[in-house]
Amino acid sequence: MSQELLSYKGLYGDPQPTFLTDFIHPEPLAVRSKIYAWEINEHIHTDYATDIYH
C-alpha cells in the first residue's frame, strides 16, 4: 500500500501560505519542530524552496 506524500503551499502544517510570494521567511528549525514534538513527516513544498542552515 502506498502512502500519499503530504504537500504544502505554505509552511509545514499550514494549509495556506502565511507569507508573501517572493519573500524570504527565516525561521529556526526548532520553532516549528517543537509544535509537532519533533515529528516531521515526509512532505513537499509546492510553491517555494527550503534551505536549512546553521
C-alpha atoms as a PDB file:
ATOM      1  CA  MET A   1       0.000   0.000   0.000  1.00  0.00           C
ATOM      2  CA  SER A   2       1.464   3.384  -0.960  1.00  0.00           C
ATOM      3  CA  GLN A   3       1.084   6.415   1.253  1.00  0.00           C
ATOM      4  CA  GLU A   4       0.346   9.818  -0.278  1.00  0.00           C
ATOM      5  CA  LEU A   5       3.070  12.408   0.236  1.00  0.00           C
ATOM      6  CA  LEU A   6       1.983  15.471   2.233  1.00  0.00           C
ATOM      7  CA  SER A   7       2.041  18.628   0.131  1.00  0.00           C
ATOM      8  CA  TYR A   8       2.082  22.206   1.444  1.00  0.00           C
ATOM      9  CA  LYS A   9       1.849  25.532  -0.351  1.00  0.00           C
ATOM     10  CA  GLY A  10       2.925  27.239   2.879  1.00  0.00           C
ATOM     11  CA  LEU A  11       4.967  26.179   5.859  1.00  0.00           C
ATOM     12  CA  TYR A  12       4.763  22.680   7.330  1.00  0.00           C
ATOM     13  CA  GLY A  13       1.315  22.154   8.788  1.00  0.00           C
ATOM     14  CA  ASP A  14      -0.155  25.337   7.315  1.00  0.00           C
ATOM     15  CA  PRO A  15      -2.892  24.686   4.740  1.00  0.00           C
ATOM     16  CA  GLN A  16      -2.321  28.067   3.039  1.00  0.00           C
ATOM     17  CA  PRO A  17       0.767  30.233   2.519  1.00  0.00           C
ATOM     18  CA  THR A  18       1.276  32.523   5.505  1.00  0.00           C
ATOM     19  CA  PHE A  19       3.721  34.883   3.824  1.00  0.00           C
ATOM     20  CA  LEU A  20       4.001  36.960   0.676  1.00  0.00           C
ATOM     21  CA  THR A  21       5.271  35.360  -2.507  1.00  0.00           C
ATOM     22  CA  ASP A  22       8.888  36.127  -3.448  1.00  0.00           C
ATOM     23  CA  PHE A  23       9.640  36.736   0.236  1.00  0.00           C
ATOM     24  CA  ILE A  24      12.275  35.100   2.420  1.00  0.00           C
ATOM     25  CA  HIS A  25      10.848  33.641   5.624  1.00  0.00           C
ATOM     26  CA  PRO A  26      13.633  32.839   8.096  1.00  0.00           C
ATOM     27  CA  GLU A  27      12.527  30.552  10.896  1.00  0.00           C
ATOM     28  CA  PRO A  28      14.733  28.499  13.226  1.00  0.00           C
ATOM     29  CA  LEU A  29      14.073  24.780  12.754  1.00  0.00           C
ATOM     30  CA  ALA A  30      13.244  24.371  16.445  1.00  0.00           C
ATOM     31  CA  VAL A  31      10.323  26.842  16.315  1.00  0.00           C
ATOM     32  CA  ARG A  32       8.098  24.768  14.040  1.00  0.00           C
ATOM     33  CA  SER A  33       9.535  21.390  15.048  1.00  0.00           C
ATOM     34  CA  LYS A  34       8.600  21.849  18.713  1.00  0.00           C
ATOM     35  CA  ILE A  35       4.950  22.366  17.700  1.00  0.00           C
ATOM     36  CA  TYR A  36       4.966  18.840  16.250  1.00  0.00           C
ATOM     37  CA  ALA A  37       7.088  17.268  19.034  1.00  0.00           C
ATOM     38  CA  TRP A  38       9.973  16.975  16.550  1.00  0.00           C
ATOM     39  CA  GLU A  39       7.964  14.507  14.431  1.00  0.00           C
ATOM     40  CA  ILE A  40       8.055  15.925  10.899  1.00  0.00           C
ATOM     41  CA  ASN A  41       6.595  13.603   8.280  1.00  0.00           C
ATOM     42  CA  GLU A  42       7.979  13.325   4.787  1.00  0.00           C
ATOM     43  CA  HIS A  43       6.494  16.162   2.732  1.00  0.00           C
ATOM     44  CA  ILE A  44       6.999  18.592  -0.136  1.00  0.00           C
ATOM     45  CA  HIS A  45       6.501  22.325  -0.593  1.00  0.00           C
ATOM     46  CA  THR A  46       4.982  23.093  -3.979  1.00  0.00           C
ATOM     47  CA  ASP A  47       5.337  26.877  -4.075  1.00  0.00           C
ATOM     48  CA  TYR A  48       8.732  27.590  -2.538  1.00  0.00           C
ATOM     49  CA  ALA A  49      12.136  26.165  -1.766  1.00  0.00           C
ATOM     50  CA  THR A  50      13.509  25.223   1.628  1.00  0.00           C
ATOM     51  CA  ASP A  51      17.043  25.994   2.739  1.00  0.00           C
ATOM     52  CA  ILE A  52      18.297  24.621   6.039  1.00  0.00           C
ATOM     53  CA  TYR A  53      21.397  26.227   7.516  1.00  0.00           C
ATOM     54  CA  HIS A  54      23.094  26.595  10.867  1.00  0.00           C
END
